[in-house]
Each structure stands twice: as structure tokens, then as C-alpha cells.
Amino acid sequence: MAVNQITWDRVGRVTEPGRYMYTFGWLTITAGDLAIWQQYPQAAFTLLAQPSEPPEAVGEEFHLGAFDIAPEAPPFTTH
């Protein structure tokens, strides 16, 4: 199962919480999401689909879920 992730750069480094239209649909970004990106600019959030209700059913609705603060780093292991 593929997990779609999104970064602050990909959403244009938005600075205000809100609902934004992107090529994949509508994305709701909260103040908490922005606070994480401000502290960890490279963080990647899991993109979560949510049901949209008519009459706003023009494109899919998404919000941000769990995040990885170092998506490019190798996995952490202990020995």
C-alpha cells in the first residue's frame, strides 16, 4: 500500500491555515500543521483523504495526518 506524503515546499510554503486547491484536490492546513513545518521545514505529512459533501464535491478533500520530521534520513535502528 502506497502512502502519499506532502512537504511544505510542495504546498508552496503557505503561511496561513486554510483550505487550498491543489492539483490533487482541496487540502486543509491547520495552524498546528504550520507550526510543525515552521519548526521542521523538511517534514513530510501523510496526505489523508476525507469524504467531501455536496455541493462542494468538486475534487477530493484532504487533510494532513502523521508526519516524519526527517523523511530523507535512513531508518533508525538499534543494536
PDB file of N, CA and C in Angstrom:
ATOM      1  N   MET A   1       0.841  -1.176   0.000  1.00  0.00           N
ATOM      2  CA  MET A   1       0.000   0.000   0.000  1.00  0.00           C
ATOM      3  C   MET A   1       0.887   1.240   0.000  1.00  0.00           C
ATOM      4  N   ALA A   2       0.702   2.106  -0.965  1.00  0.00           N
ATOM      5  CA  ALA A   2       1.491   3.327  -1.078  1.00  0.00           C
ATOM      6  C   ALA A   2       0.935   4.399  -0.139  1.00  0.00           C
ATOM      7  N   VAL A   3       1.830   5.122   0.499  1.00  0.00           N
ATOM      8  CA  VAL A   3       1.437   6.219   1.372  1.00  0.00           C
ATOM      9  C   VAL A   3       1.861   7.506   0.706  1.00  0.00           C
ATOM     10  N   ASN A   4       0.908   8.381   0.457  1.00  0.00           N
ATOM     11  CA  ASN A   4       1.218   9.664  -0.153  1.00  0.00           C
ATOM     12  C   ASN A   4       1.624  10.650   0.929  1.00  0.00           C
ATOM     13  N   GLN A   5       2.775  11.293   0.699  1.00  0.00           N
ATOM     14  CA  GLN A   5       3.256  12.296   1.638  1.00  0.00           C
ATOM     15  C   GLN A   5       3.404  13.615   0.910  1.00  0.00           C
ATOM     16  N   ILE A   6       3.325  14.688   1.688  1.00  0.00           N
ATOM     17  CA  ILE A   6       3.432  16.020   1.106  1.00  0.00           C
ATOM     18  C   ILE A   6       4.307  16.895   2.000  1.00  0.00           C
ATOM     19  N   THR A   7       5.089  17.746   1.363  1.00  0.00           N
ATOM     20  CA  THR A   7       6.006  18.629   2.087  1.00  0.00           C
ATOM     21  C   THR A   7       5.531  20.076   1.989  1.00  0.00           C
ATOM     22  N   TRP A   8       6.126  20.905   2.831  1.00  0.00           N
ATOM     23  CA  TRP A   8       5.805  22.336   2.835  1.00  0.00           C
ATOM     24  C   TRP A   8       6.154  22.969   1.494  1.00  0.00           C
ATOM     25  N   ASP A   9       7.270  22.577   0.901  1.00  0.00           N
ATOM     26  CA  ASP A   9       7.647  23.106  -0.409  1.00  0.00           C
ATOM     27  C   ASP A   9       6.581  22.792  -1.454  1.00  0.00           C
ATOM     28  N   ARG A  10       6.047  21.585  -1.404  1.00  0.00           N
ATOM     29  CA  ARG A  10       5.062  21.165  -2.411  1.00  0.00           C
ATOM     30  C   ARG A  10       3.771  21.980  -2.318  1.00  0.00           C
ATOM     31  N   VAL A  11       3.439  22.468  -1.127  1.00  0.00           N
ATOM     32  CA  VAL A  11       2.229  23.286  -0.991  1.00  0.00           C
ATOM     33  C   VAL A  11       2.540  24.773  -1.073  1.00  0.00           C
ATOM     34  N   GLY A  12       3.731  25.103  -1.512  1.00  0.00           N
ATOM     35  CA  GLY A  12       4.091  26.500  -1.733  1.00  0.00           C
ATOM     36  C   GLY A  12       4.426  27.280  -0.476  1.00  0.00           C
ATOM     37  N   ARG A  13       4.827  26.560   0.585  1.00  0.00           N
ATOM     38  CA  ARG A  13       5.201  27.178   1.861  1.00  0.00           C
ATOM     39  C   ARG A  13       4.140  28.165   2.340  1.00  0.00           C
ATOM     40  N   VAL A  14       2.884  27.752   2.306  1.00  0.00           N
ATOM     41  CA  VAL A  14       1.791  28.605   2.769  1.00  0.00           C
ATOM     42  C   VAL A  14       2.073  29.073   4.189  1.00  0.00           C
ATOM     43  N   THR A  15       1.563  30.249   4.536  1.00  0.00           N
ATOM     44  CA  THR A  15       1.847  30.828   5.847  1.00  0.00           C
ATOM     45  C   THR A  15       0.601  30.975   6.712  1.00  0.00           C
ATOM     46  N   GLU A  16      -0.556  30.690   6.173  1.00  0.00           N
ATOM     47  CA  GLU A  16      -1.805  30.835   6.910  1.00  0.00           C
ATOM     48  C   GLU A  16      -2.589  29.523   6.863  1.00  0.00           C
ATOM     49  N   PRO A  17      -3.254  29.168   7.976  1.00  0.00           N
ATOM     50  CA  PRO A  17      -4.123  27.995   7.941  1.00  0.00           C
ATOM     51  C   PRO A  17      -5.261  28.251   6.956  1.00  0.00           C
ATOM     52  N   GLY A  18      -5.782  27.195   6.386  1.00  0.00           N
ATOM     53  CA  GLY A  18      -6.905  27.368   5.467  1.00  0.00           C
ATOM     54  C   GLY A  18      -7.111  26.164   4.578  1.00  0.00           C
ATOM     55  N   ARG A  19      -7.990  26.339   3.621  1.00  0.00           N
ATOM     56  CA  ARG A  19      -8.344  25.301   2.650  1.00  0.00           C
ATOM     57  C   ARG A  19      -7.812  25.775   1.302  1.00  0.00           C
ATOM     58  N   TYR A  20      -6.929  24.973   0.714  1.00  0.00           N
ATOM     59  CA  TYR A  20      -6.245  25.362  -0.508  1.00  0.00           C
ATOM     60  C   TYR A  20      -6.509  24.357  -1.625  1.00  0.00           C
ATOM     61  N   MET A  21      -6.637  24.853  -2.854  1.00  0.00           N
ATOM     62  CA  MET A  21      -6.833  23.995  -4.019  1.00  0.00           C
ATOM     63  C   MET A  21      -5.477  23.654  -4.615  1.00  0.00           C
ATOM     64  N   TYR A  22      -5.236  22.351  -4.807  1.00  0.00           N
ATOM     65  CA  TYR A  22      -4.014  21.863  -5.444  1.00  0.00           C
ATOM     66  C   TYR A  22      -4.400  20.932  -6.572  1.00  0.00           C
ATOM     67  N   THR A  23      -3.435  20.461  -7.321  1.00  0.00           N
ATOM     68  CA  THR A  23      -3.719  19.597  -8.469  1.00  0.00           C
ATOM     69  C   THR A  23      -4.406  18.303  -8.067  1.00  0.00           C
ATOM     70  N   PHE A  24      -4.222  17.853  -6.837  1.00  0.00           N
ATOM     71  CA  PHE A  24      -4.808  16.595  -6.390  1.00  0.00           C
ATOM     72  C   PHE A  24      -6.146  16.793  -5.689  1.00  0.00           C
ATOM     73  N   GLY A  25      -6.571  18.016  -5.435  1.00  0.00           N
ATOM     74  CA  GLY A  25      -7.837  18.302  -4.759  1.00  0.00           C
ATOM     75  C   GLY A  25      -7.676  19.415  -3.737  1.00  0.00           C
ATOM     76  N   TRP A  26      -8.611  19.499  -2.806  1.00  0.00           N
ATOM     77  CA  TRP A  26      -8.590  20.509  -1.746  1.00  0.00           C
ATOM     78  C   TRP A  26      -7.811  19.999  -0.552  1.00  0.00           C
ATOM     79  N   LEU A  27      -6.962  20.844   0.015  1.00  0.00           N
ATOM     80  CA  LEU A  27      -6.157  20.485   1.179  1.00  0.00           C
ATOM     81  C   LEU A  27      -6.416  21.491   2.299  1.00  0.00           C
ATOM     82  N   THR A  28      -6.804  20.966   3.470  1.00  0.00           N
ATOM     83  CA  THR A  28      -6.989  21.799   4.649  1.00  0.00           C
ATOM     84  C   THR A  28      -5.722  21.743   5.485  1.00  0.00           C
ATOM     85  N   ILE A  29      -5.150  22.910   5.756  1.00  0.00           N
ATOM     86  CA  ILE A  29      -3.931  23.024   6.557  1.00  0.00           C
ATOM     87  C   ILE A  29      -4.280  23.791   7.823  1.00  0.00           C
ATOM     88  N   THR A  30      -3.943  23.213   8.974  1.00  0.00           N
ATOM     89  CA  THR A  30      -4.261  23.839  10.264  1.00  0.00           C
ATOM     90  C   THR A  30      -3.072  24.643  10.781  1.00  0.00           C
ATOM     91  N   ALA A  31      -3.338  25.441  11.821  1.00  0.00           N
ATOM     92  CA  ALA A  31      -2.255  26.196  12.468  1.00  0.00           C
ATOM     93  C   ALA A  31      -1.228  25.240  13.069  1.00  0.00           C
ATOM     94  N   GLY A  32      -1.683  24.091  13.595  1.00  0.00           N
ATOM     95  CA  GLY A  32      -0.766  23.094  14.147  1.00  0.00           C
ATOM     96  C   GLY A  32       0.144  22.504  13.082  1.00  0.00           C
ATOM     97  N   ASP A  33      -0.413  22.250  11.886  1.00  0.00           N
ATOM     98  CA  ASP A  33       0.403  21.747  10.774  1.00  0.00           C
ATOM     99  C   ASP A  33       1.499  22.753  10.442  1.00  0.00           C
ATOM    100  N   LEU A  34       1.131  24.022  10.358  1.00  0.00           N
ATOM    101  CA  LEU A  34       2.109  25.069  10.040  1.00  0.00           C
ATOM    102  C   LEU A  34       3.180  25.195  11.110  1.00  0.00           C
ATOM    103  N   ALA A  35       2.790  25.025  12.365  1.00  0.00           N
ATOM    104  CA  ALA A  35       3.773  25.110  13.453  1.00  0.00           C
ATOM    105  C   ALA A  35       4.824  24.020  13.318  1.00  0.00           C
ATOM    106  N   ILE A  36       4.401  22.838  12.917  1.00  0.00           N
ATOM    107  CA  ILE A  36       5.359  21.736  12.704  1.00  0.00           C
ATOM    108  C   ILE A  36       6.281  22.073  11.548  1.00  0.00           C
ATOM    109  N   TRP A  37       5.721  22.555  10.436  1.00  0.00           N
ATOM    110  CA  TRP A  37       6.568  22.915   9.296  1.00  0.00           C
ATOM    111  C   TRP A  37       7.519  24.048   9.632  1.00  0.00           C
ATOM    112  N   GLN A  38       7.106  24.992  10.461  1.00  0.00           N
ATOM    113  CA  GLN A  38       7.998  26.086  10.830  1.00  0.00           C
ATOM    114  C   GLN A  38       9.164  25.585  11.675  1.00  0.00           C
ATOM    115  N   GLN A  39       8.913  24.574  12.499  1.00  0.00           N
ATOM    116  CA  GLN A  39       9.984  24.015  13.329  1.00  0.00           C
ATOM    117  C   GLN A  39      10.821  22.998  12.556  1.00  0.00           C
ATOM    118  N   TYR A  40      10.184  22.232  11.673  1.00  0.00           N
ATOM    119  CA  TYR A  40      10.857  21.195  10.880  1.00  0.00           C
ATOM    120  C   TYR A  40      10.484  21.397   9.407  1.00  0.00           C
ATOM    121  N   PRO A  41      11.131  22.329   8.703  1.00  0.00           N
ATOM    122  CA  PRO A  41      10.750  22.666   7.325  1.00  0.00           C
ATOM    123  C   PRO A  41      10.785  21.492   6.342  1.00  0.00           C
ATOM    124  N   GLN A  42      11.564  20.457   6.627  1.00  0.00           N
ATOM    125  CA  GLN A  42      11.645  19.313   5.709  1.00  0.00           C
ATOM    126  C   GLN A  42      10.637  18.211   6.042  1.00  0.00           C
ATOM    127  N   ALA A  43       9.823  18.411   7.065  1.00  0.00           N
ATOM    128  CA  ALA A  43       8.859  17.381   7.473  1.00  0.00           C
ATOM    129  C   ALA A  43       7.915  17.039   6.327  1.00  0.00           C
ATOM    130  N   ALA A  44       7.562  15.753   6.251  1.00  0.00           N
ATOM    131  CA  ALA A  44       6.609  15.266   5.250  1.00  0.00           C
ATOM    132  C   ALA A  44       5.399  14.697   5.983  1.00  0.00           C
ATOM    133  N   PHE A  45       4.231  15.202   5.669  1.00  0.00           N
ATOM    134  CA  PHE A  45       2.982  14.739   6.261  1.00  0.00           C
ATOM    135  C   PHE A  45       2.338  13.677   5.385  1.00  0.00           C
ATOM    136  N   THR A  46       1.655  12.743   6.020  1.00  0.00           N
ATOM    137  CA  THR A  46       0.825  11.787   5.290  1.00  0.00           C
ATOM    138  C   THR A  46      -0.413  12.535   4.821  1.00  0.00           C
ATOM    139  N   LEU A  47      -0.757  12.353   3.567  1.00  0.00           N
ATOM    140  CA  LEU A  47      -1.916  13.002   2.978  1.00  0.00           C
ATOM    141  C   LEU A  47      -3.120  12.086   3.157  1.00  0.00           C
ATOM    142  N   LEU A  48      -4.129  12.542   3.888  1.00  0.00           N
ATOM    143  CA  LEU A  48      -5.299  11.722   4.184  1.00  0.00           C
ATOM    144  C   LEU A  48      -6.530  12.257   3.463  1.00  0.00           C
ATOM    145  N   ALA A  49      -7.214  11.364   2.745  1.00  0.00           N
ATOM    146  CA  ALA A  49      -8.443  11.743   2.051  1.00  0.00           C
ATOM    147  C   ALA A  49      -9.583  11.759   3.057  1.00  0.00           C
ATOM    148  N   GLN A  50     -10.501  12.670   2.872  1.00  0.00           N
ATOM    149  CA  GLN A  50     -11.698  12.698   3.697  1.00  0.00           C
ATOM    150  C   GLN A  50     -12.893  12.862   2.772  1.00  0.00           C
ATOM    151  N   PRO A  51     -14.014  12.288   3.149  1.00  0.00           N
ATOM    152  CA  PRO A  51     -15.189  12.391   2.275  1.00  0.00           C
ATOM    153  C   PRO A  51     -15.616  13.842   2.092  1.00  0.00           C
ATOM    154  N   SER A  52     -15.942  14.204   0.864  1.00  0.00           N
ATOM    155  CA  SER A  52     -16.450  15.548   0.603  1.00  0.00           C
ATOM    156  C   SER A  52     -17.955  15.451   0.442  1.00  0.00           C
ATOM    157  N   GLU A  53     -18.611  16.512   0.834  1.00  0.00           N
ATOM    158  CA  GLU A  53     -20.062  16.506   0.786  1.00  0.00           C
ATOM    159  C   GLU A  53     -20.546  17.505  -0.246  1.00  0.00           C
ATOM    160  N   PRO A  54     -21.554  17.127  -1.021  1.00  0.00           N
ATOM    161  CA  PRO A  54     -22.122  18.072  -1.981  1.00  0.00           C
ATOM    162  C   PRO A  54     -22.608  19.315  -1.256  1.00  0.00           C
ATOM    163  N   PRO A  55     -22.630  20.493  -1.822  1.00  0.00           N
ATOM    164  CA  PRO A  55     -22.283  20.774  -3.209  1.00  0.00           C
ATOM    165  C   PRO A  55     -20.802  21.017  -3.432  1.00  0.00           C
ATOM    166  N   GLU A  56     -19.967  20.810  -2.429  1.00  0.00           N
ATOM    167  CA  GLU A  56     -18.537  21.074  -2.572  1.00  0.00           C
ATOM    168  C   GLU A  56     -17.786  19.905  -3.193  1.00  0.00           C
ATOM    169  N   ALA A  57     -18.462  18.964  -3.768  1.00  0.00           N
ATOM    170  CA  ALA A  57     -17.828  17.754  -4.275  1.00  0.00           C
ATOM    171  C   ALA A  57     -17.103  17.992  -5.599  1.00  0.00           C
ATOM    172  N   VAL A  58     -16.413  19.114  -5.710  1.00  0.00           N
ATOM    173  CA  VAL A  58     -15.615  19.421  -6.897  1.00  0.00           C
ATOM    174  C   VAL A  58     -14.171  19.107  -6.550  1.00  0.00           C
ATOM    175  N   GLY A  59     -13.767  17.861  -6.721  1.00  0.00           N
ATOM    176  CA  GLY A  59     -12.434  17.428  -6.344  1.00  0.00           C
ATOM    177  C   GLY A  59     -12.449  16.777  -4.980  1.00  0.00           C
ATOM    178  N   GLU A  60     -11.384  16.075  -4.690  1.00  0.00           N
ATOM    179  CA  GLU A  60     -11.291  15.372  -3.420  1.00  0.00           C
ATOM    180  C   GLU A  60     -10.845  16.308  -2.309  1.00  0.00           C
ATOM    181  N   GLU A  61     -11.187  15.938  -1.074  1.00  0.00           N
ATOM    182  CA  GLU A  61     -10.809  16.691   0.121  1.00  0.00           C
ATOM    183  C   GLU A  61      -9.718  15.931   0.861  1.00  0.00           C
ATOM    184  N   PHE A  62      -8.679  16.643   1.320  1.00  0.00           N
ATOM    185  CA  PHE A  62      -7.566  16.037   2.036  1.00  0.00           C
ATOM    186  C   PHE A  62      -7.226  16.863   3.269  1.00  0.00           C
ATOM    187  N   HIS A  63      -6.622  16.211   4.242  1.00  0.00           N
ATOM    188  CA  HIS A  63      -6.022  16.892   5.376  1.00  0.00           C
ATOM    189  C   HIS A  63      -4.717  16.184   5.698  1.00  0.00           C
ATOM    190  N   LEU A  64      -3.936  16.770   6.581  1.00  0.00           N
ATOM    191  CA  LEU A  64      -2.627  16.225   6.903  1.00  0.00           C
ATOM    192  C   LEU A  64      -2.719  15.313   8.114  1.00  0.00           C
ATOM    193  N   GLY A  65      -2.012  14.188   8.051  1.00  0.00           N
ATOM    194  CA  GLY A  65      -2.021  13.217   9.136  1.00  0.00           C
ATOM    195  C   GLY A  65      -0.685  13.175   9.847  1.00  0.00           C
ATOM    196  N   ALA A  66      -0.191  11.965  10.076  1.00  0.00           N
ATOM    197  CA  ALA A  66       1.092  11.776  10.751  1.00  0.00           C
ATOM    198  C   ALA A  66       2.211  12.400   9.917  1.00  0.00           C
ATOM    199  N   PHE A  67       3.305  12.730  10.590  1.00  0.00           N
ATOM    200  CA  PHE A  67       4.409  13.361   9.863  1.00  0.00           C
ATOM    201  C   PHE A  67       5.730  12.729  10.241  1.00  0.00           C
ATOM    202  N   ASP A  68       6.690  12.886   9.323  1.00  0.00           N
ATOM    203  CA  ASP A  68       8.064  12.410   9.512  1.00  0.00           C
ATOM    204  C   ASP A  68       8.943  13.652   9.435  1.00  0.00           C
ATOM    205  N   ILE A  69       9.689  13.953  10.508  1.00  0.00           N
ATOM    206  CA  ILE A  69      10.492  15.182  10.506  1.00  0.00           C
ATOM    207  C   ILE A  69      11.768  15.071   9.682  1.00  0.00           C
ATOM    208  N   ALA A  70      12.172  13.859   9.329  1.00  0.00           N
ATOM    209  CA  ALA A  70      13.368  13.661   8.506  1.00  0.00           C
ATOM    210  C   ALA A  70      13.096  12.579   7.462  1.00  0.00           C
ATOM    211  N   PRO A  71      12.252  12.863   6.474  1.00  0.00           N
ATOM    212  CA  PRO A  71      11.872  11.826   5.508  1.00  0.00           C
ATOM    213  C   PRO A  71      13.018  11.295   4.655  1.00  0.00           C
ATOM    214  N   GLU A  72      14.096  12.047   4.513  1.00  0.00           N
ATOM    215  CA  GLU A  72      15.225  11.612   3.689  1.00  0.00           C
ATOM    216  C   GLU A  72      16.277  10.848   4.489  1.00  0.00           C
ATOM    217  N   ALA A  73      16.131  10.818   5.808  1.00  0.00           N
ATOM    218  CA  ALA A  73      17.125  10.152   6.663  1.00  0.00           C
ATOM    219  C   ALA A  73      16.944   8.638   6.601  1.00  0.00           C
ATOM    220  N   PRO A  74      18.030   7.891   6.782  1.00  0.00           N
ATOM    221  CA  PRO A  74      17.907   6.428   6.819  1.00  0.00           C
ATOM    222  C   PRO A  74      17.106   5.998   8.044  1.00  0.00           C
ATOM    223  N   PRO A  75      16.449   4.848   8.004  1.00  0.00           N
ATOM    224  CA  PRO A  75      15.663   4.387   9.152  1.00  0.00           C
ATOM    225  C   PRO A  75      16.517   4.248  10.408  1.00  0.00           C
ATOM    226  N   PHE A  76      15.929   4.547  11.540  1.00  0.00           N
ATOM    227  CA  PHE A  76      16.617   4.434  12.832  1.00  0.00           C
ATOM    228  C   PHE A  76      16.627   2.979  13.266  1.00  0.00           C
ATOM    229  N   THR A  77      17.790   2.489  13.642  1.00  0.00           N
ATOM    230  CA  THR A  77      17.896   1.108  14.143  1.00  0.00           C
ATOM    231  C   THR A  77      18.744   1.096  15.406  1.00  0.00           C
ATOM    232  N   THR A  78      18.506   0.102  16.257  1.00  0.00           N
ATOM    233  CA  THR A  78      19.327  -0.060  17.455  1.00  0.00           C
ATOM    234  C   THR A  78      19.910  -1.474  17.437  1.00  0.00           C
ATOM    235  N   HIS A  79      21.060  -1.628  18.039  1.00  0.00           N
ATOM    236  CA  HIS A  79      21.696  -2.948  18.095  1.00  0.00           C
ATOM    237  C   HIS A  79      22.027  -3.304  19.512  1.00  0.00           C
TER     238      HIS A  79
END
